[in-house]
C-alpha atoms as a PDB file:
ATOM      1  CA  MET A   1      65.996 -42.479 -43.834  1.00  0.00           C
ATOM      2  CA  ILE A   2      63.935 -40.916 -40.800  1.00  0.00           C
ATOM      3  CA  ASN A   3      63.767 -37.516 -42.290  1.00  0.00           C
ATOM      4  CA  THR A   4      62.604 -38.243 -45.723  1.00  0.00           C
ATOM      5  CA  LEU A   5      59.712 -40.467 -44.208  1.00  0.00           C
ATOM      6  CA  GLN A   6      58.953 -37.343 -41.641  1.00  0.00           C
ATOM      7  CA  SER A   7      59.054 -34.935 -44.391  1.00  0.00           C
ATOM      8  CA  LEU A   8      55.959 -36.974 -46.420  1.00  0.00           C
ATOM      9  CA  SER A   9      53.421 -34.652 -47.080  1.00  0.00           C
ATOM     10  CA  VAL A  10      49.510 -34.771 -47.110  1.00  0.00           C
ATOM     11  CA  SER A  11      49.509 -34.982 -50.984  1.00  0.00           C
ATOM     12  CA  ASP A  12      52.204 -37.994 -50.583  1.00  0.00           C
ATOM     13  CA  SER A  13      49.632 -39.473 -48.081  1.00  0.00           C
ATOM     14  CA  GLU A  14      46.519 -39.046 -49.714  1.00  0.00           C
ATOM     15  CA  SER A  15      49.105 -40.736 -52.818  1.00  0.00           C
ATOM     16  CA  THR A  16      49.685 -43.680 -51.110  1.00  0.00           C
ATOM     17  CA  SER A  17      45.972 -43.680 -49.580  1.00  0.00           C
ATOM     18  CA  GLN A  18      44.917 -43.631 -53.303  1.00  0.00           C
ATOM     19  CA  THR A  19      47.307 -46.406 -54.500  1.00  0.00           C
ATOM     20  CA  LEU A  20      46.346 -48.900 -51.508  1.00  0.00           C
ATOM     21  CA  ARG A  21      42.998 -48.699 -52.846  1.00  0.00           C
ATOM     22  CA  ASP A  22      43.230 -48.715 -56.279  1.00  0.00           C
ATOM     23  CA  GLN A  23      45.597 -51.990 -55.945  1.00  0.00           C
ATOM     24  CA  ALA A  24      42.796 -53.361 -53.233  1.00  0.00           C
ATOM     25  CA  ILE A  25      39.826 -53.046 -56.005  1.00  0.00           C
ATOM     26  CA  ALA A  26      42.032 -54.967 -58.421  1.00  0.00           C
ATOM     27  CA  TRP A  27      42.361 -57.291 -55.923  1.00  0.00           C
ATOM     28  CA  LEU A  28      38.889 -57.814 -55.777  1.00  0.00           C
ATOM     29  CA  LEU A  29      38.269 -57.809 -58.955  1.00  0.00           C
ATOM     30  CA  ARG A  30      40.886 -60.022 -59.610  1.00  0.00           C
ATOM     31  CA  LEU A  31      39.389 -62.970 -57.081  1.00  0.00           C
ATOM     32  CA  ARG A  32      35.823 -62.836 -58.358  1.00  0.00           C
ATOM     33  CA  ASP A  33      37.353 -63.182 -61.961  1.00  0.00           C
ATOM     34  CA  ALA A  34      39.010 -66.883 -61.138  1.00  0.00           C
ATOM     35  CA  PRO A  35      37.904 -67.590 -57.424  1.00  0.00           C
ATOM     36  CA  GLU A  36      39.544 -70.990 -57.872  1.00  0.00           C
ATOM     37  CA  ASP A  37      42.753 -69.961 -59.243  1.00  0.00           C
ATOM     38  CA  ALA A  38      45.175 -70.949 -56.716  1.00  0.00           C
ATOM     39  CA  ALA A  39      48.028 -69.222 -57.620  1.00  0.00           C
ATOM     40  CA  SER A  40      46.334 -65.366 -57.236  1.00  0.00           C
ATOM     41  CA  GLN A  41      44.939 -66.928 -53.835  1.00  0.00           C
ATOM     42  CA  ARG A  42      48.331 -67.396 -52.606  1.00  0.00           C
ATOM     43  CA  GLU A  43      49.506 -63.753 -54.072  1.00  0.00           C
ATOM     44  CA  PHE A  44      46.494 -61.629 -52.671  1.00  0.00           C
ATOM     45  CA  ALA A  45      47.308 -63.720 -48.928  1.00  0.00           C
ATOM     46  CA  ASP A  46      50.899 -62.491 -49.532  1.00  0.00           C
ATOM     47  CA  TRP A  47      49.417 -59.016 -50.582  1.00  0.00           C
ATOM     48  CA  LEU A  48      47.358 -59.130 -46.494  1.00  0.00           C
ATOM     49  CA  ALA A  49      50.103 -60.100 -44.914  1.00  0.00           C
ATOM     50  CA  ALA A  50      52.540 -57.662 -46.523  1.00  0.00           C
ATOM     51  CA  ASP A  51      51.027 -54.506 -44.646  1.00  0.00           C
ATOM     52  CA  PRO A  52      47.926 -54.051 -41.679  1.00  0.00           C
ATOM     53  CA  ALA A  53      47.047 -50.817 -44.280  1.00  0.00           C
ATOM     54  CA  HIS A  54      46.431 -53.678 -46.708  1.00  0.00           C
ATOM     55  CA  GLN A  55      43.753 -55.407 -44.725  1.00  0.00           C
ATOM     56  CA  ALA A  56      42.094 -52.184 -43.760  1.00  0.00           C
ATOM     57  CA  ALA A  57      41.951 -51.352 -47.421  1.00  0.00           C
ATOM     58  CA  TYR A  58      40.227 -54.135 -48.989  1.00  0.00           C
ATOM     59  CA  ARG A  59      37.763 -54.306 -45.936  1.00  0.00           C
ATOM     60  CA  GLN A  60      36.553 -50.706 -46.672  1.00  0.00           C
ATOM     61  CA  VAL A  61      36.294 -51.358 -50.847  1.00  0.00           C
ATOM     62  CA  GLN A  62      34.910 -54.638 -49.894  1.00  0.00           C
ATOM     63  CA  ALA A  63      32.117 -52.870 -48.249  1.00  0.00           C
ATOM     64  CA  GLN A  64      31.686 -50.645 -50.768  1.00  0.00           C
ATOM     65  CA  TRP A  65      31.396 -52.861 -53.417  1.00  0.00           C
ATOM     66  CA  ALA A  66      28.534 -54.935 -51.307  1.00  0.00           C
ATOM     67  CA  TRP A  67      27.014 -51.611 -50.609  1.00  0.00           C
ATOM     68  CA  LEU A  68      26.374 -50.968 -53.976  1.00  0.00           C
ATOM     69  CA  GLU A  69      25.461 -55.155 -55.227  1.00  0.00           C
ATOM     70  CA  PRO A  70      21.581 -53.609 -55.429  1.00  0.00           C
ATOM     71  CA  PHE A  71      22.180 -51.121 -58.133  1.00  0.00           C
ATOM     72  CA  LYS A  72      24.983 -53.923 -60.187  1.00  0.00           C
ATOM     73  CA  GLN A  73      21.923 -54.936 -62.350  1.00  0.00           C
ATOM     74  CA  HIS A  74      20.550 -51.161 -63.405  1.00  0.00           C
ATOM     75  CA  SER A  75      21.728 -49.677 -66.539  1.00  0.00           C
ATOM     76  CA  PHE A  76      24.133 -46.538 -66.456  1.00  0.00           C
ATOM     77  CA  PRO A  77      26.051 -45.147 -69.181  1.00  0.00           C
ATOM     78  CA  ALA A  78      29.591 -45.203 -66.926  1.00  0.00           C
ATOM     79  CA  ARG A  79      28.562 -48.387 -65.596  1.00  0.00           C
ATOM     80  CA  ASP A  80      27.859 -49.872 -68.958  1.00  0.00           C
ATOM     81  CA  ALA A  81      31.359 -48.606 -70.172  1.00  0.00           C
ATOM     82  CA  ALA A  82      33.362 -49.942 -67.327  1.00  0.00           C
ATOM     83  CA  LEU A  83      31.782 -53.206 -67.409  1.00  0.00           C
ATOM     84  CA  ARG A  84      32.827 -53.722 -71.357  1.00  0.00           C
ATOM     85  CA  TYR A  85      35.882 -53.195 -70.978  1.00  0.00           C
ATOM     86  CA  ARG A  86      38.342 -55.703 -71.778  1.00  0.00           C
ATOM     87  CA  PRO A  87      41.575 -55.397 -73.213  1.00  0.00           C
ATOM     88  CA  ALA A  88      42.439 -56.104 -76.915  1.00  0.00           C
ATOM     89  CA  THR A  89      45.657 -58.030 -75.887  1.00  0.00           C
ATOM     90  CA  ARG A  90      47.117 -60.057 -72.780  1.00  0.00           C
ATOM     91  CA  PRO A  91      48.636 -57.302 -71.074  1.00  0.00           C
ATOM     92  CA  SER A  92      50.863 -57.370 -68.171  1.00  0.00           C
ATOM     93  CA  VAL A  93      49.613 -57.955 -65.126  1.00  0.00           C
ATOM     94  CA  ARG A  94      50.314 -54.423 -63.537  1.00  0.00           C
ATOM     95  CA  ARG A  95      48.390 -53.498 -66.701  1.00  0.00           C
ATOM     96  CA  LYS A  96      45.480 -55.862 -65.968  1.00  0.00           C
ATOM     97  CA  TRP A  97      45.238 -54.846 -62.062  1.00  0.00           C
ATOM     98  CA  LEU A  98      45.103 -51.189 -63.235  1.00  0.00           C
ATOM     99  CA  ALA A  99      42.453 -51.555 -65.916  1.00  0.00           C
ATOM    100  CA  TYR A 100      40.617 -53.927 -63.338  1.00  0.00           C
ATOM    101  CA  ALA A 101      40.988 -50.516 -61.007  1.00  0.00           C
ATOM    102  CA  ALA A 102      40.001 -48.195 -63.456  1.00  0.00           C
ATOM    103  CA  ALA A 103      37.201 -50.196 -63.970  1.00  0.00           C
ATOM    104  CA  ALA A 104      36.073 -50.955 -60.394  1.00  0.00           C
ATOM    105  CA  THR A 105      36.829 -47.570 -59.526  1.00  0.00           C
ATOM    106  CA  VAL A 106      34.008 -45.796 -62.186  1.00  0.00           C
ATOM    107  CA  LEU A 107      31.315 -48.020 -60.615  1.00  0.00           C
ATOM    108  CA  LEU A 108      32.043 -47.507 -56.907  1.00  0.00           C
ATOM    109  CA  THR A 109      32.847 -43.682 -57.627  1.00  0.00           C
ATOM    110  CA  LEU A 110      29.164 -43.753 -59.812  1.00  0.00           C
ATOM    111  CA  GLY A 111      27.846 -45.568 -57.029  1.00  0.00           C
ATOM    112  CA  LEU A 112      28.980 -43.513 -53.875  1.00  0.00           C
ATOM    113  CA  THR A 113      27.911 -39.721 -55.887  1.00  0.00           C
ATOM    114  CA  ILE A 114      24.249 -41.595 -57.245  1.00  0.00           C
ATOM    115  CA  PHE A 115      23.454 -43.794 -54.146  1.00  0.00           C
ATOM    116  CA  SER A 116      24.913 -42.093 -51.022  1.00  0.00           C
ATOM    117  CA  PRO A 117      23.024 -39.996 -48.341  1.00  0.00           C
ATOM    118  CA  GLN A 118      24.496 -36.759 -50.424  1.00  0.00           C
ATOM    119  CA  GLY A 119      24.084 -37.781 -53.608  1.00  0.00           C
ATOM    120  CA  TRP A 120      21.409 -37.395 -56.299  1.00  0.00           C
ATOM    121  CA  TYR A 121      18.997 -40.091 -55.515  1.00  0.00           C
ATOM    122  CA  GLY A 122      20.202 -41.632 -52.091  1.00  0.00           C
ATOM    123  CA  LEU A 123      19.982 -45.211 -50.944  1.00  0.00           C
ATOM    124  CA  PRO A 124      17.464 -45.307 -47.855  1.00  0.00           C
ATOM    125  CA  HIS A 125      18.686 -47.482 -45.011  1.00  0.00           C
ATOM    126  CA  SER A 126      16.688 -48.986 -42.520  1.00  0.00           C
ATOM    127  CA  TYR A 127      17.227 -49.178 -38.858  1.00  0.00           C
ATOM    128  CA  SER A 128      15.448 -50.886 -35.690  1.00  0.00           C
ATOM    129  CA  THR A 129      15.581 -51.941 -32.218  1.00  0.00           C
ATOM    130  CA  GLY A 130      14.125 -55.189 -30.420  1.00  0.00           C
ATOM    131  CA  LYS A 131      12.070 -55.138 -27.162  1.00  0.00           C
ATOM    132  CA  GLY A 132      13.799 -53.668 -24.077  1.00  0.00           C
ATOM    133  CA  GLN A 133      16.783 -52.139 -26.846  1.00  0.00           C
ATOM    134  CA  ARG A 134      17.666 -48.553 -27.197  1.00  0.00           C
ATOM    135  CA  GLN A 135      19.894 -47.419 -29.655  1.00  0.00           C
ATOM    136  CA  VAL A 136      21.645 -44.014 -30.740  1.00  0.00           C
ATOM    137  CA  LEU A 137      22.594 -43.332 -34.469  1.00  0.00           C
ATOM    138  CA  ALA A 138      24.693 -40.565 -35.821  1.00  0.00           C
ATOM    139  CA  LEU A 139      23.020 -40.023 -39.378  1.00  0.00           C
ATOM    140  CA  SER A 140      25.354 -38.603 -42.136  1.00  0.00           C
ATOM    141  CA  ASP A 141      24.046 -35.012 -41.873  1.00  0.00           C
ATOM    142  CA  GLY A 142      25.398 -34.716 -38.582  1.00  0.00           C
ATOM    143  CA  THR A 143      21.696 -35.079 -36.800  1.00  0.00           C
ATOM    144  CA  GLU A 144      21.333 -37.857 -33.815  1.00  0.00           C
ATOM    145  CA  LEU A 145      18.433 -40.311 -34.277  1.00  0.00           C
ATOM    146  CA  GLU A 146      17.927 -42.035 -31.395  1.00  0.00           C
ATOM    147  CA  LEU A 147      15.115 -45.214 -31.076  1.00  0.00           C
ATOM    148  CA  ASN A 148      13.433 -46.432 -28.176  1.00  0.00           C
ATOM    149  CA  THR A 149      12.219 -50.021 -27.879  1.00  0.00           C
ATOM    150  CA  ASP A 150      10.327 -52.041 -30.283  1.00  0.00           C
ATOM    151  CA  THR A 151      11.116 -49.103 -33.166  1.00  0.00           C
ATOM    152  CA  GLU A 152      12.045 -49.570 -37.056  1.00  0.00           C
ATOM    153  CA  VAL A 153      12.562 -46.148 -38.999  1.00  0.00           C
ATOM    154  CA  ARG A 154      13.510 -45.850 -42.508  1.00  0.00           C
ATOM    155  CA  VAL A 155      16.514 -43.029 -43.713  1.00  0.00           C
ATOM    156  CA  HIS A 156      16.031 -41.355 -46.790  1.00  0.00           C
ATOM    157  CA  PHE A 157      18.461 -38.688 -47.826  1.00  0.00           C
ATOM    158  CA  ASN A 158      19.532 -37.235 -50.656  1.00  0.00           C
ATOM    159  CA  HIS A 159      20.891 -33.987 -52.559  1.00  0.00           C
ATOM    160  CA  ALA A 160      17.300 -32.035 -52.198  1.00  0.00           C
ATOM    161  CA  GLN A 161      15.920 -33.289 -49.186  1.00  0.00           C
ATOM    162  CA  ARG A 162      15.961 -35.336 -45.562  1.00  0.00           C
ATOM    163  CA  GLN A 163      13.499 -37.677 -44.665  1.00  0.00           C
ATOM    164  CA  VAL A 164      12.708 -40.689 -42.331  1.00  0.00           C
ATOM    165  CA  ASP A 165       9.698 -42.725 -42.208  1.00  0.00           C
ATOM    166  CA  MET A 166       8.567 -44.054 -39.115  1.00  0.00           C
ATOM    167  CA  ILE A 167       7.796 -47.539 -39.543  1.00  0.00           C
ATOM    168  CA  ARG A 168       6.677 -47.771 -35.943  1.00  0.00           C
ATOM    169  CA  GLY A 169       7.592 -47.333 -32.232  1.00  0.00           C
ATOM    170  CA  GLU A 170       9.413 -43.908 -31.220  1.00  0.00           C
ATOM    171  CA  ALA A 171      12.553 -42.116 -31.839  1.00  0.00           C
ATOM    172  CA  PHE A 172      14.020 -38.914 -30.599  1.00  0.00           C
ATOM    173  CA  PHE A 173      15.414 -36.445 -33.132  1.00  0.00           C
ATOM    174  CA  LYS A 174      18.227 -33.948 -32.350  1.00  0.00           C
ATOM    175  CA  VAL A 175      18.483 -32.375 -36.032  1.00  0.00           C
ATOM    176  CA  ALA A 176      21.387 -31.059 -37.775  1.00  0.00           C
ATOM    177  CA  HIS A 177      20.347 -27.493 -39.404  1.00  0.00           C
ATOM    178  CA  ASP A 178      20.360 -27.247 -43.089  1.00  0.00           C
ATOM    179  CA  ALA A 179      18.441 -24.707 -45.179  1.00  0.00           C
ATOM    180  CA  GLU A 180      19.311 -26.657 -48.223  1.00  0.00           C
ATOM    181  CA  ARG A 181      17.461 -29.660 -47.081  1.00  0.00           C
ATOM    182  CA  PRO A 182      14.910 -29.612 -45.240  1.00  0.00           C
ATOM    183  CA  PHE A 183      14.671 -32.567 -42.601  1.00  0.00           C
ATOM    184  CA  ARG A 184      11.062 -34.575 -42.214  1.00  0.00           C
ATOM    185  CA  VAL A 185       9.437 -37.168 -40.291  1.00  0.00           C
ATOM    186  CA  GLN A 186       7.186 -38.913 -42.115  1.00  0.00           C
ATOM    187  CA  ALA A 187       4.280 -41.054 -39.847  1.00  0.00           C
ATOM    188  CA  GLY A 188       0.990 -42.333 -42.033  1.00  0.00           C
ATOM    189  CA  ASN A 189      -0.674 -39.292 -43.040  1.00  0.00           C
ATOM    190  CA  LEU A 190       1.330 -37.217 -40.657  1.00  0.00           C
ATOM    191  CA  SER A 191       4.476 -35.046 -41.917  1.00  0.00           C
ATOM    192  CA  VAL A 192       6.447 -33.799 -39.214  1.00  0.00           C
ATOM    193  CA  ARG A 193       9.044 -30.666 -40.528  1.00  0.00           C
ATOM    194  CA  ASP A 194      11.596 -29.427 -38.515  1.00  0.00           C
ATOM    195  CA  ILE A 195      12.499 -25.999 -37.957  1.00  0.00           C
ATOM    196  CA  GLY A 196      15.898 -26.272 -36.357  1.00  0.00           C
ATOM    197  CA  THR A 197      15.210 -28.761 -33.422  1.00  0.00           C
ATOM    198  CA  ALA A 198      15.328 -31.445 -30.931  1.00  0.00           C
ATOM    199  CA  PHE A 199      11.725 -33.363 -30.594  1.00  0.00           C
ATOM    200  CA  ASN A 200      10.170 -36.931 -29.960  1.00  0.00           C
ATOM    201  CA  VAL A 201       7.856 -38.818 -32.641  1.00  0.00           C
ATOM    202  CA  TYR A 202       5.891 -41.989 -31.107  1.00  0.00           C
ATOM    203  CA  LYS A 203       3.866 -43.810 -33.524  1.00  0.00           C
ATOM    204  CA  GLN A 204       0.838 -45.600 -31.936  1.00  0.00           C
ATOM    205  CA  ALA A 205      -1.347 -48.128 -33.428  1.00  0.00           C
ATOM    206  CA  ASP A 206      -4.151 -44.916 -33.148  1.00  0.00           C
ATOM    207  CA  ARG A 207      -2.188 -41.953 -33.160  1.00  0.00           C
ATOM    208  CA  VAL A 208       1.161 -40.119 -33.584  1.00  0.00           C
ATOM    209  CA  SER A 209       2.238 -38.119 -30.952  1.00  0.00           C
ATOM    210  CA  VAL A 210       5.168 -34.917 -31.128  1.00  0.00           C
ATOM    211  CA  ALA A 211       6.768 -33.635 -28.396  1.00  0.00           C
ATOM    212  CA  VAL A 212       9.158 -30.505 -28.795  1.00  0.00           C
ATOM    213  CA  GLN A 213      12.114 -29.901 -26.735  1.00  0.00           C
ATOM    214  CA  GLU A 214      13.730 -27.328 -28.450  1.00  0.00           C
ATOM    215  CA  GLY A 215      12.942 -25.006 -31.286  1.00  0.00           C
ATOM    216  CA  MET A 216       9.989 -25.615 -33.588  1.00  0.00           C
ATOM    217  CA  VAL A 217       8.371 -27.986 -35.799  1.00  0.00           C
ATOM    218  CA  GLU A 218       5.401 -28.352 -38.412  1.00  0.00           C
ATOM    219  CA  MET A 219       3.104 -30.838 -38.060  1.00  0.00           C
ATOM    220  CA  LEU A 220       1.349 -31.330 -41.633  1.00  0.00           C
ATOM    221  CA  SER A 221      -1.190 -33.480 -42.273  1.00  0.00           C
ATOM    222  CA  PRO A 222      -3.545 -33.947 -45.617  1.00  0.00           C
ATOM    223  CA  SER A 223      -6.208 -31.236 -44.258  1.00  0.00           C
ATOM    224  CA  ASP A 224      -4.851 -29.182 -41.567  1.00  0.00           C
ATOM    225  CA  ARG A 225      -1.499 -27.918 -40.106  1.00  0.00           C
ATOM    226  CA  ARG A 226       0.152 -26.631 -36.720  1.00  0.00           C
ATOM    227  CA  GLU A 227       3.135 -25.394 -35.262  1.00  0.00           C
ATOM    228  CA  LEU A 228       4.851 -26.603 -32.073  1.00  0.00           C
ATOM    229  CA  GLN A 229       7.066 -24.710 -30.075  1.00  0.00           C
ATOM    230  CA  ALA A 230       9.809 -25.777 -27.041  1.00  0.00           C
ATOM    231  CA  GLY A 231       7.475 -27.145 -24.761  1.00  0.00           C
ATOM    232  CA  GLN A 232       4.908 -28.128 -26.478  1.00  0.00           C
ATOM    233  CA  GLN A 233       2.740 -31.527 -27.555  1.00  0.00           C
ATOM    234  CA  LEU A 234       0.285 -32.697 -29.786  1.00  0.00           C
ATOM    235  CA  ALA A 235      -1.237 -36.002 -31.094  1.00  0.00           C
ATOM    236  CA  TYR A 236      -2.606 -36.640 -34.451  1.00  0.00           C
ATOM    237  CA  SER A 237      -5.380 -39.653 -34.124  1.00  0.00           C
ATOM    238  CA  ASP A 238      -6.383 -42.508 -36.755  1.00  0.00           C
ATOM    239  CA  ASP A 239      -9.399 -40.277 -37.323  1.00  0.00           C
ATOM    240  CA  GLN A 240      -7.438 -37.754 -39.418  1.00  0.00           C
ATOM    241  CA  ARG A 241      -7.663 -34.772 -36.154  1.00  0.00           C
ATOM    242  CA  PHE A 242      -5.556 -33.067 -33.685  1.00  0.00           C
ATOM    243  CA  ALA A 243      -5.610 -33.962 -30.263  1.00  0.00           C
ATOM    244  CA  ALA A 244      -4.017 -33.438 -27.168  1.00  0.00           C
ATOM    245  CA  ALA A 245      -0.686 -35.972 -26.199  1.00  0.00           C
ATOM    246  CA  THR A 246      -1.265 -38.649 -23.903  1.00  0.00           C
ATOM    247  CA  SER A 247       1.333 -37.349 -21.448  1.00  0.00           C
ATOM    248  CA  ASN A 248       1.694 -34.128 -19.565  1.00  0.00           C
ATOM    249  CA  ASN A 249       4.821 -32.944 -20.332  1.00  0.00           C
ATOM    250  CA  ILE A 250       8.116 -32.877 -22.163  1.00  0.00           C
ATOM    251  CA  ALA A 251       9.819 -34.777 -19.195  1.00  0.00           C
ATOM    252  CA  SER A 252       7.365 -37.964 -18.971  1.00  0.00           C
ATOM    253  CA  ALA A 253       7.442 -37.760 -22.992  1.00  0.00           C
ATOM    254  CA  THR A 254      11.152 -38.380 -23.559  1.00  0.00           C
ATOM    255  CA  ALA A 255      11.846 -40.248 -19.963  1.00  0.00           C
ATOM    256  CA  TRP A 256      12.448 -43.151 -22.210  1.00  0.00           C
ATOM    257  CA  ARG A 257      15.886 -41.949 -22.823  1.00  0.00           C
ATOM    258  CA  GLN A 258      17.249 -42.286 -19.540  1.00  0.00           C
ATOM    259  CA  GLY A 259      15.518 -45.525 -19.118  1.00  0.00           C
ATOM    260  CA  LEU A 260      12.207 -44.465 -17.387  1.00  0.00           C
ATOM    261  CA  LEU A 261       8.365 -44.867 -17.514  1.00  0.00           C
ATOM    262  CA  ILE A 262       6.413 -41.627 -15.663  1.00  0.00           C
ATOM    263  CA  PHE A 263       3.169 -41.516 -15.123  1.00  0.00           C
ATOM    264  CA  ASN A 264       0.745 -38.648 -13.932  1.00  0.00           C
ATOM    265  CA  GLY A 265      -2.606 -40.062 -13.470  1.00  0.00           C
ATOM    266  CA  ARG A 266      -2.166 -42.320 -16.482  1.00  0.00           C
ATOM    267  CA  ARG A 267      -4.879 -45.617 -16.818  1.00  0.00           C
ATOM    268  CA  LEU A 268      -3.818 -48.954 -15.386  1.00  0.00           C
ATOM    269  CA  ALA A 269      -4.738 -50.319 -19.094  1.00  0.00           C
ATOM    270  CA  GLU A 270      -2.575 -47.651 -20.765  1.00  0.00           C
ATOM    271  CA  VAL A 271       0.346 -48.608 -17.962  1.00  0.00           C
ATOM    272  CA  LEU A 272       0.827 -52.043 -18.981  1.00  0.00           C
ATOM    273  CA  ALA A 273       0.514 -51.478 -22.510  1.00  0.00           C
ATOM    274  CA  GLU A 274       3.448 -49.030 -22.108  1.00  0.00           C
ATOM    275  CA  ILE A 275       5.072 -51.731 -19.823  1.00  0.00           C
ATOM    276  CA  GLY A 276       4.672 -54.356 -22.767  1.00  0.00           C
ATOM    277  CA  ARG A 277       6.321 -52.426 -25.451  1.00  0.00           C
ATOM    278  CA  TYR A 278       9.422 -53.413 -23.168  1.00  0.00           C
ATOM    279  CA  HIS A 279       9.279 -56.816 -22.340  1.00  0.00           C
ATOM    280  CA  GLU A 280       8.459 -60.044 -24.574  1.00  0.00           C
ATOM    281  CA  VAL A 281       5.420 -61.190 -22.003  1.00  0.00           C
ATOM    282  CA  ASN A 282       1.584 -60.974 -22.595  1.00  0.00           C
ATOM    283  CA  ILE A 283       0.259 -58.653 -19.302  1.00  0.00           C
ATOM    284  CA  ARG A 284      -3.357 -59.798 -18.934  1.00  0.00           C
ATOM    285  CA  LEU A 285      -6.275 -57.824 -16.650  1.00  0.00           C
ATOM    286  CA  PRO A 286      -9.220 -60.147 -16.564  1.00  0.00           C
ATOM    287  CA  ASP A 287     -11.232 -57.582 -14.524  1.00  0.00           C
ATOM    288  CA  PRO A 288     -12.127 -54.647 -16.443  1.00  0.00           C
ATOM    289  CA  THR A 289     -13.035 -52.279 -13.851  1.00  0.00           C
ATOM    290  CA  LEU A 290      -9.116 -52.635 -12.874  1.00  0.00           C
ATOM    291  CA  ALA A 291      -8.135 -51.042 -16.027  1.00  0.00           C
ATOM    292  CA  GLU A 292      -9.481 -47.680 -14.818  1.00  0.00           C
ATOM    293  CA  LEU A 293      -7.168 -47.039 -12.190  1.00  0.00           C
ATOM    294  CA  ARG A 294      -5.156 -43.863 -12.149  1.00  0.00           C
ATOM    295  CA  VAL A 295      -0.974 -44.881 -12.068  1.00  0.00           C
ATOM    296  CA  ASN A 296       1.316 -41.819 -10.976  1.00  0.00           C
ATOM    297  CA  GLY A 297       5.046 -42.682 -10.402  1.00  0.00           C
ATOM    298  CA  SER A 298       8.313 -42.928 -11.658  1.00  0.00           C
ATOM    299  CA  PHE A 299       9.155 -46.696 -12.925  1.00  0.00           C
ATOM    300  CA  ARG A 300      12.113 -47.842 -14.273  1.00  0.00           C
ATOM    301  CA  THR A 301      11.684 -49.839 -17.841  1.00  0.00           C
ATOM    302  CA  GLU A 302      14.594 -52.565 -17.327  1.00  0.00           C
ATOM    303  CA  GLN A 303      12.934 -55.085 -14.610  1.00  0.00           C
ATOM    304  CA  LEU A 304       9.699 -56.439 -14.955  1.00  0.00           C
ATOM    305  CA  ASP A 305       9.279 -58.040 -11.935  1.00  0.00           C
ATOM    306  CA  SER A 306      10.257 -54.973 -10.082  1.00  0.00           C
ATOM    307  CA  LEU A 307       8.086 -52.110 -11.886  1.00  0.00           C
ATOM    308  CA  LEU A 308       5.404 -54.358 -12.046  1.00  0.00           C
ATOM    309  CA  ASN A 309       5.120 -54.688  -7.907  1.00  0.00           C
ATOM    310  CA  ALA A 310       5.870 -51.077  -7.603  1.00  0.00           C
ATOM    311  CA  VAL A 311       2.825 -50.751  -9.597  1.00  0.00           C
ATOM    312  CA  ALA A 312       0.865 -52.904  -7.392  1.00  0.00           C
ATOM    313  CA  THR A 313       2.227 -51.174  -3.992  1.00  0.00           C
ATOM    314  CA  LEU A 314       0.208 -48.582  -5.293  1.00  0.00           C
ATOM    315  CA  LEU A 315      -3.012 -50.042  -6.310  1.00  0.00           C
ATOM    316  CA  PRO A 316      -5.275 -52.878  -5.114  1.00  0.00           C
ATOM    317  CA  ILE A 317      -4.081 -55.166  -7.684  1.00  0.00           C
ATOM    318  CA  SER A 318      -1.965 -58.638  -7.077  1.00  0.00           C
ATOM    319  CA  VAL A 319       1.302 -59.851  -9.583  1.00  0.00           C
ATOM    320  CA  LYS A 320       0.624 -63.538 -10.473  1.00  0.00           C
ATOM    321  CA  ARG A 321       2.892 -65.033 -13.334  1.00  0.00           C
ATOM    322  CA  VAL A 322       0.749 -68.430 -14.782  1.00  0.00           C
ATOM    323  CA  GLY A 323       3.944 -69.026 -16.835  1.00  0.00           C
ATOM    324  CA  GLU A 324       7.107 -67.822 -18.808  1.00  0.00           C
ATOM    325  CA  ARG A 325       5.966 -65.301 -20.685  1.00  0.00           C
ATOM    326  CA  GLU A 326       2.248 -64.567 -19.403  1.00  0.00           C
ATOM    327  CA  ILE A 327       1.560 -62.264 -16.201  1.00  0.00           C
ATOM    328  CA  VAL A 328      -2.171 -61.832 -14.699  1.00  0.00           C
ATOM    329  CA  LEU A 329      -3.026 -59.139 -12.456  1.00  0.00           C
ATOM    330  CA  GLU A 330      -5.794 -59.259 -10.095  1.00  0.00           C
ATOM    331  CA  ALA A 331      -7.622 -57.386  -7.396  1.00  0.00           C
ATOM    332  CA  VAL A 332      -6.755 -57.976  -3.835  1.00  0.00           C
ATOM    333  CA  SER A 333      -9.743 -59.474  -2.298  1.00  0.00           C
ATOM    334  CA  GLY A 334     -11.327 -57.463   0.069  1.00  0.00           C
ATOM    335  CA  LYS A 335      -9.655 -53.880  -1.221  1.00  0.00           C
ATOM    336  CA  HIS A 336     -11.279 -53.846  -4.379  1.00  0.00           C
END
């Protein structure tokens, strides 16, 4: 018996896996067809308990079925044929299971073929982070996408293209090269096309800033075009003009990936706006003259109090908490 098990071929394993998948599909449809059938529920529980592989197969099929939910009302010839299928006579339980499995397999295969990231249309996926959060995503093409705090993107891949829409925030892209499917980042009116690269895109209220760490990107606006090489940065403002980026170097622009904020002569007002991206708090600066003070240094983003106190040691300001979510910065008497 042991020798027999050890001699199973890859094709044998694949056949077994497909059999479990077909059974899982059949159970999915059987339970949907008669959700109140106590006998079916007991048989299903016995099937799940018989082998951990049954549970894994059912979870996978259930997830795929849920993924296809938005498209089940759409009309496709293969889908319609599958859903019209009904046995002419009362079949055996096994034949009925096989009929259910055949119909569901058509739907699942159709959906995965048409709407998967490698499919004809592609199904958009949205990803987001809250304030103070960062997230690293491995996309289906091998591209690595890292989201900074308070960021939202929509990923839309299909057979012909790869596009990420920047809804808000900041992201770092390490793109897997694919000559057949160009990779683009759309941020408002600006399109950033990858040319085998690693780059950062930061979408602010009044501009989109791009910093290239490796390779090269092409920045396309409705009326202009620029190319950026490794080590270069450029911004595209809301008045539809290219402008110098706010940060001075690539290390500063991408320091958020190490949990840092690096400022080189930045205005205090801008520094506070950056700090505010990472924390659910309102930081007020009642004295407008303080906004022009310049900040230099490297600061951790995680601890708000430590961060603000570090800034205060460099400038003639004091930090006062006036509520759980409100902080006021004021000039220090006699030093301003």
